[in-house]
């Protein structure tokens, strides 16, 4: 009886972070959004920056158009 050997895959595909342009290590957590890859810490910075911009632009305005 012949025993089949497990296939050894070639080196993993190298991935770079879209925020900081540093390579993401294979053992490091990564987040993929819309085909872009991020370090976990870089993605959290990106999301917080976007949410701050949204809250800044969506300030409360009363009926007459003045800021509260």
PDB file of N, CA and C in Angstrom:
ATOM      1  N   UNK A   1       0.846  -1.173   0.000  1.00  0.00           N
ATOM      2  CA  UNK A   1       0.000   0.000   0.000  1.00  0.00           C
ATOM      3  C   UNK A   1       0.895   1.241   0.000  1.00  0.00           C
ATOM      4  N   UNK A   2       0.607   2.129  -0.918  1.00  0.00           N
ATOM      5  CA  UNK A   2       1.399   3.349  -1.049  1.00  0.00           C
ATOM      6  C   UNK A   2       0.724   4.472  -0.249  1.00  0.00           C
ATOM      7  N   UNK A   3       1.514   5.181   0.551  1.00  0.00           N
ATOM      8  CA  UNK A   3       0.988   6.278   1.359  1.00  0.00           C
ATOM      9  C   UNK A   3       1.214   7.586   0.606  1.00  0.00           C
ATOM     10  N   UNK A   4       0.145   8.368   0.490  1.00  0.00           N
ATOM     11  CA  UNK A   4       0.257   9.660  -0.192  1.00  0.00           C
ATOM     12  C   UNK A   4       0.838  10.690   0.755  1.00  0.00           C
ATOM     13  N   UNK A   5       1.764  11.473   0.212  1.00  0.00           N
ATOM     14  CA  UNK A   5       2.363  12.529   1.013  1.00  0.00           C
ATOM     15  C   UNK A   5       1.529  13.802   0.882  1.00  0.00           C
ATOM     16  N   UNK A   6       1.549  14.593   1.930  1.00  0.00           N
ATOM     17  CA  UNK A   6       0.829  15.864   1.896  1.00  0.00           C
ATOM     18  C   UNK A   6       1.537  16.824   0.957  1.00  0.00           C
ATOM     19  N   UNK A   7       0.755  17.567   0.214  1.00  0.00           N
ATOM     20  CA  UNK A   7       1.344  18.551  -0.684  1.00  0.00           C
ATOM     21  C   UNK A   7       1.874  19.731   0.129  1.00  0.00           C
ATOM     22  N   UNK A   8       3.072  20.116  -0.187  1.00  0.00           N
ATOM     23  CA  UNK A   8       3.658  21.284   0.474  1.00  0.00           C
ATOM     24  C   UNK A   8       3.415  22.480  -0.427  1.00  0.00           C
ATOM     25  N   UNK A   9       2.728  23.460   0.113  1.00  0.00           N
ATOM     26  CA  UNK A   9       2.428  24.650  -0.677  1.00  0.00           C
ATOM     27  C   UNK A   9       3.658  25.559  -0.739  1.00  0.00           C
ATOM     28  N   UNK A  10       3.824  26.290  -1.831  1.00  0.00           N
ATOM     29  CA  UNK A  10       4.945  27.228  -1.916  1.00  0.00           C
ATOM     30  C   UNK A  10       4.790  28.354  -0.896  1.00  0.00           C
ATOM     31  N   UNK A  11       5.812  29.181  -0.788  1.00  0.00           N
ATOM     32  CA  UNK A  11       5.785  30.285   0.176  1.00  0.00           C
ATOM     33  C   UNK A  11       4.488  31.073   0.038  1.00  0.00           C
ATOM     34  N   UNK A  12       3.989  31.535   1.159  1.00  0.00           N
ATOM     35  CA  UNK A  12       2.712  32.235   1.151  1.00  0.00           C
ATOM     36  C   UNK A  12       2.786  33.511   0.326  1.00  0.00           C
ATOM     37  N   UNK A  13       1.644  33.883  -0.188  1.00  0.00           N
ATOM     38  CA  UNK A  13       1.536  35.103  -0.972  1.00  0.00           C
ATOM     39  C   UNK A  13       1.845  36.293  -0.079  1.00  0.00           C
ATOM     40  N   UNK A  14       2.730  37.143  -0.509  1.00  0.00           N
ATOM     41  CA  UNK A  14       3.120  38.291   0.295  1.00  0.00           C
ATOM     42  C   UNK A  14       2.095  39.401   0.161  1.00  0.00           C
ATOM     43  N   UNK A  15       1.749  39.990   1.300  1.00  0.00           N
ATOM     44  CA  UNK A  15       0.707  41.008   1.338  1.00  0.00           C
ATOM     45  C   UNK A  15       1.253  42.251   2.029  1.00  0.00           C
ATOM     46  N   UNK A  16       0.987  43.416   1.433  1.00  0.00           N
ATOM     47  CA  UNK A  16       1.396  44.686   2.023  1.00  0.00           C
ATOM     48  C   UNK A  16       0.175  45.473   2.456  1.00  0.00           C
ATOM     49  N   UNK A  17       0.325  46.226   3.544  1.00  0.00           N
ATOM     50  CA  UNK A  17      -0.753  47.039   4.099  1.00  0.00           C
ATOM     51  C   UNK A  17      -0.996  48.246   3.194  1.00  0.00           C
ATOM     52  N   UNK A  18      -2.252  48.535   2.891  1.00  0.00           N
ATOM     53  CA  UNK A  18      -2.593  49.675   2.042  1.00  0.00           C
ATOM     54  C   UNK A  18      -2.476  51.006   2.769  1.00  0.00           C
ATOM     55  N   UNK A  19      -2.372  50.968   4.084  1.00  0.00           N
ATOM     56  CA  UNK A  19      -2.277  52.200   4.858  1.00  0.00           C
ATOM     57  C   UNK A  19      -0.818  52.612   5.066  1.00  0.00           C
ATOM     58  N   UNK A  20       0.003  51.697   5.589  1.00  0.00           N
ATOM     59  CA  UNK A  20       1.385  52.046   5.943  1.00  0.00           C
ATOM     60  C   UNK A  20       2.426  51.478   4.975  1.00  0.00           C
ATOM     61  N   UNK A  21       2.013  50.654   4.023  1.00  0.00           N
ATOM     62  CA  UNK A  21       2.884  50.051   3.010  1.00  0.00           C
ATOM     63  C   UNK A  21       3.963  49.145   3.591  1.00  0.00           C
ATOM     64  N   UNK A  22       3.717  48.595   4.765  1.00  0.00           N
ATOM     65  CA  UNK A  22       4.632  47.627   5.370  1.00  0.00           C
ATOM     66  C   UNK A  22       4.051  46.244   5.171  1.00  0.00           C
ATOM     67  N   UNK A  23       4.933  45.268   4.907  1.00  0.00           N
ATOM     68  CA  UNK A  23       4.479  43.908   4.662  1.00  0.00           C
ATOM     69  C   UNK A  23       3.803  43.340   5.906  1.00  0.00           C
ATOM     70  N   UNK A  24       2.700  42.631   5.689  1.00  0.00           N
ATOM     71  CA  UNK A  24       1.981  41.982   6.775  1.00  0.00           C
ATOM     72  C   UNK A  24       2.538  40.573   6.917  1.00  0.00           C
ATOM     73  N   UNK A  25       3.044  40.260   8.092  1.00  0.00           N
ATOM     74  CA  UNK A  25       3.633  38.945   8.350  1.00  0.00           C
ATOM     75  C   UNK A  25       2.552  37.868   8.292  1.00  0.00           C
ATOM     76  N   UNK A  26       2.929  36.667   7.875  1.00  0.00           N
ATOM     77  CA  UNK A  26       1.937  35.592   7.778  1.00  0.00           C
ATOM     78  C   UNK A  26       1.273  35.249   9.108  1.00  0.00           C
ATOM     79  N   UNK A  27       1.983  35.458  10.220  1.00  0.00           N
ATOM     80  CA  UNK A  27       1.417  35.137  11.531  1.00  0.00           C
ATOM     81  C   UNK A  27       0.683  36.314  12.167  1.00  0.00           C
ATOM     82  N   UNK A  28       0.642  37.451  11.483  1.00  0.00           N
ATOM     83  CA  UNK A  28       0.006  38.655  12.005  1.00  0.00           C
ATOM     84  C   UNK A  28      -1.441  38.736  11.522  1.00  0.00           C
ATOM     85  N   UNK A  29      -2.317  39.277  12.366  1.00  0.00           N
ATOM     86  CA  UNK A  29      -3.715  39.425  11.967  1.00  0.00           C
ATOM     87  C   UNK A  29      -3.828  40.478  10.881  1.00  0.00           C
ATOM     88  N   UNK A  30      -4.654  40.192   9.886  1.00  0.00           N
ATOM     89  CA  UNK A  30      -4.871  41.147   8.805  1.00  0.00           C
ATOM     90  C   UNK A  30      -6.356  41.274   8.527  1.00  0.00           C
ATOM     91  N   UNK A  31      -6.728  42.437   8.020  1.00  0.00           N
ATOM     92  CA  UNK A  31      -8.123  42.696   7.687  1.00  0.00           C
ATOM     93  C   UNK A  31      -8.186  43.011   6.204  1.00  0.00           C
ATOM     94  N   UNK A  32      -9.094  42.336   5.494  1.00  0.00           N
ATOM     95  CA  UNK A  32      -9.276  42.561   4.068  1.00  0.00           C
ATOM     96  C   UNK A  32     -10.628  43.217   3.838  1.00  0.00           C
ATOM     97  N   UNK A  33     -10.620  44.406   3.220  1.00  0.00           N
ATOM     98  CA  UNK A  33     -11.843  45.139   2.935  1.00  0.00           C
ATOM     99  C   UNK A  33     -11.767  45.634   1.495  1.00  0.00           C
ATOM    100  N   UNK A  34     -12.746  45.278   0.687  1.00  0.00           N
ATOM    101  CA  UNK A  34     -12.820  45.694  -0.718  1.00  0.00           C
ATOM    102  C   UNK A  34     -11.526  45.392  -1.485  1.00  0.00           C
ATOM    103  N   UNK A  35     -10.934  44.248  -1.230  1.00  0.00           N
ATOM    104  CA  UNK A  35      -9.724  43.850  -1.935  1.00  0.00           C
ATOM    105  C   UNK A  35      -8.462  44.539  -1.438  1.00  0.00           C
ATOM    106  N   UNK A  36      -8.553  45.284  -0.349  1.00  0.00           N
ATOM    107  CA  UNK A  36      -7.394  45.953   0.240  1.00  0.00           C
ATOM    108  C   UNK A  36      -7.083  45.279   1.572  1.00  0.00           C
ATOM    109  N   UNK A  37      -5.794  45.169   1.874  1.00  0.00           N
ATOM    110  CA  UNK A  37      -5.374  44.506   3.099  1.00  0.00           C
ATOM    111  C   UNK A  37      -4.773  45.524   4.060  1.00  0.00           C
ATOM    112  N   UNK A  38      -5.064  45.352   5.345  1.00  0.00           N
ATOM    113  CA  UNK A  38      -4.588  46.264   6.380  1.00  0.00           C
ATOM    114  C   UNK A  38      -4.098  45.480   7.586  1.00  0.00           C
ATOM    115  N   UNK A  39      -3.117  46.051   8.322  1.00  0.00           N
ATOM    116  CA  UNK A  39      -2.813  45.551   9.652  1.00  0.00           C
ATOM    117  C   UNK A  39      -4.037  45.852  10.514  1.00  0.00           C
ATOM    118  N   UNK A  40      -4.205  45.122  11.561  1.00  0.00           N
ATOM    119  CA  UNK A  40      -5.351  45.356  12.438  1.00  0.00           C
ATOM    120  C   UNK A  40      -5.295  46.774  13.004  1.00  0.00           C
ATOM    121  N   UNK A  41      -4.107  47.218  13.425  1.00  0.00           N
ATOM    122  CA  UNK A  41      -3.969  48.564  14.007  1.00  0.00           C
ATOM    123  C   UNK A  41      -4.157  49.657  12.959  1.00  0.00           C
ATOM    124  N   UNK A  42      -3.706  49.437  11.737  1.00  0.00           N
ATOM    125  CA  UNK A  42      -3.857  50.439  10.670  1.00  0.00           C
ATOM    126  C   UNK A  42      -5.323  50.598  10.287  1.00  0.00           C
ATOM    127  N   UNK A  43      -6.056  49.477  10.228  1.00  0.00           N
ATOM    128  CA  UNK A  43      -7.465  49.560   9.871  1.00  0.00           C
ATOM    129  C   UNK A  43      -8.251  50.298  10.949  1.00  0.00           C
ATOM    130  N   UNK A  44      -7.909  50.062  12.216  1.00  0.00           N
ATOM    131  CA  UNK A  44      -8.631  50.763  13.286  1.00  0.00           C
ATOM    132  C   UNK A  44      -8.358  52.258  13.221  1.00  0.00           C
ATOM    133  N   UNK A  45      -7.144  52.664  12.828  1.00  0.00           N
ATOM    134  CA  UNK A  45      -6.830  54.085  12.660  1.00  0.00           C
ATOM    135  C   UNK A  45      -7.631  54.671  11.498  1.00  0.00           C
ATOM    136  N   UNK A  46      -7.728  53.919  10.413  1.00  0.00           N
ATOM    137  CA  UNK A  46      -8.449  54.379   9.224  1.00  0.00           C
ATOM    138  C   UNK A  46      -9.931  54.555   9.524  1.00  0.00           C
ATOM    139  N   UNK A  47     -10.519  53.592  10.206  1.00  0.00           N
ATOM    140  CA  UNK A  47     -11.938  53.645  10.524  1.00  0.00           C
ATOM    141  C   UNK A  47     -12.226  54.800  11.478  1.00  0.00           C
ATOM    142  N   UNK A  48     -11.365  55.006  12.480  1.00  0.00           N
ATOM    143  CA  UNK A  48     -11.600  56.092  13.429  1.00  0.00           C
ATOM    144  C   UNK A  48     -11.452  57.449  12.757  1.00  0.00           C
ATOM    145  N   UNK A  49     -10.529  57.588  11.803  1.00  0.00           N
ATOM    146  CA  UNK A  49     -10.358  58.851  11.085  1.00  0.00           C
ATOM    147  C   UNK A  49     -11.581  59.153  10.229  1.00  0.00           C
ATOM    148  N   UNK A  50     -12.141  58.142   9.588  1.00  0.00           N
ATOM    149  CA  UNK A  50     -13.324  58.329   8.751  1.00  0.00           C
ATOM    150  C   UNK A  50     -14.528  58.698   9.605  1.00  0.00           C
ATOM    151  N   UNK A  51     -14.674  58.035  10.754  1.00  0.00           N
ATOM    152  CA  UNK A  51     -15.824  58.329  11.611  1.00  0.00           C
ATOM    153  C   UNK A  51     -15.713  59.728  12.210  1.00  0.00           C
ATOM    154  N   UNK A  52     -14.500  60.185  12.522  1.00  0.00           N
ATOM    155  CA  UNK A  52     -14.316  61.549  13.034  1.00  0.00           C
ATOM    156  C   UNK A  52     -14.695  62.571  11.966  1.00  0.00           C
ATOM    157  N   UNK A  53     -14.326  62.300  10.722  1.00  0.00           N
ATOM    158  CA  UNK A  53     -14.652  63.215   9.629  1.00  0.00           C
ATOM    159  C   UNK A  53     -16.163  63.279   9.423  1.00  0.00           C
ATOM    160  N   UNK A  54     -16.838  62.154   9.545  1.00  0.00           N
ATOM    161  CA  UNK A  54     -18.287  62.130   9.371  1.00  0.00           C
ATOM    162  C   UNK A  54     -18.985  62.900  10.483  1.00  0.00           C
ATOM    163  N   UNK A  55     -18.546  62.714  11.727  1.00  0.00           N
ATOM    164  CA  UNK A  55     -19.190  63.414  12.832  1.00  0.00           C
ATOM    165  C   UNK A  55     -18.904  64.909  12.779  1.00  0.00           C
ATOM    166  N   UNK A  56     -17.745  65.281  12.282  1.00  0.00           N
ATOM    167  CA  UNK A  56     -17.400  66.696  12.168  1.00  0.00           C
ATOM    168  C   UNK A  56     -18.277  67.378  11.113  1.00  0.00           C
ATOM    169  N   UNK A  57     -18.539  66.683  10.016  1.00  0.00           N
ATOM    170  CA  UNK A  57     -19.327  67.274   8.941  1.00  0.00           C
ATOM    171  C   UNK A  57     -20.830  67.209   9.211  1.00  0.00           C
ATOM    172  N   UNK A  58     -21.256  66.344  10.107  1.00  0.00           N
ATOM    173  CA  UNK A  58     -22.682  66.201  10.381  1.00  0.00           C
ATOM    174  C   UNK A  58     -23.036  66.797  11.744  1.00  0.00           C
ATOM    175  N   UNK A  59     -22.693  68.057  11.931  1.00  0.00           N
ATOM    176  CA  UNK A  59     -23.011  68.736  13.184  1.00  0.00           C
ATOM    177  C   UNK A  59     -24.504  69.032  13.235  1.00  0.00           C
ATOM    178  N   UNK A  60     -25.007  69.156  14.448  1.00  0.00           N
ATOM    179  CA  UNK A  60     -26.427  69.437  14.644  1.00  0.00           C
ATOM    180  C   UNK A  60     -26.752  70.853  14.160  1.00  0.00           C
ATOM    181  N   UNK A  61     -27.800  70.981  13.383  1.00  0.00           N
ATOM    182  CA  UNK A  61     -28.229  72.271  12.849  1.00  0.00           C
ATOM    183  C   UNK A  61     -29.714  72.410  13.137  1.00  0.00           C
ATOM    184  N   UNK A  62     -30.119  73.593  13.620  1.00  0.00           N
ATOM    185  CA  UNK A  62     -31.540  73.781  13.895  1.00  0.00           C
ATOM    186  C   UNK A  62     -32.299  74.100  12.615  1.00  0.00           C
ATOM    187  N   UNK A  63     -33.574  74.302  12.705  1.00  0.00           N
ATOM    188  CA  UNK A  63     -34.432  74.482  11.542  1.00  0.00           C
ATOM    189  C   UNK A  63     -34.021  75.688  10.702  1.00  0.00           C
ATOM    190  N   UNK A  64     -33.535  76.738  11.303  1.00  0.00           N
ATOM    191  CA  UNK A  64     -33.159  77.933  10.576  1.00  0.00           C
ATOM    192  C   UNK A  64     -31.789  77.840   9.929  1.00  0.00           C
ATOM    193  N   UNK A  65     -31.077  76.727  10.109  1.00  0.00           N
ATOM    194  CA  UNK A  65     -29.786  76.541   9.468  1.00  0.00           C
ATOM    195  C   UNK A  65     -28.609  77.002  10.295  1.00  0.00           C
ATOM    196  N   UNK A  66     -28.849  77.380  11.542  1.00  0.00           N
ATOM    197  CA  UNK A  66     -27.747  77.804  12.396  1.00  0.00           C
ATOM    198  C   UNK A  66     -27.241  76.607  13.189  1.00  0.00           C
ATOM    199  N   UNK A  67     -25.934  76.635  13.517  1.00  0.00           N
ATOM    200  CA  UNK A  67     -25.381  75.578  14.334  1.00  0.00           C
ATOM    201  C   UNK A  67     -25.837  75.753  15.772  1.00  0.00           C
ATOM    202  N   UNK A  68     -26.021  74.648  16.432  1.00  0.00           N
ATOM    203  CA  UNK A  68     -26.413  74.694  17.849  1.00  0.00           C
ATOM    204  C   UNK A  68     -25.221  74.875  18.730  1.00  0.00           C
TER     205      UNK A  68
END
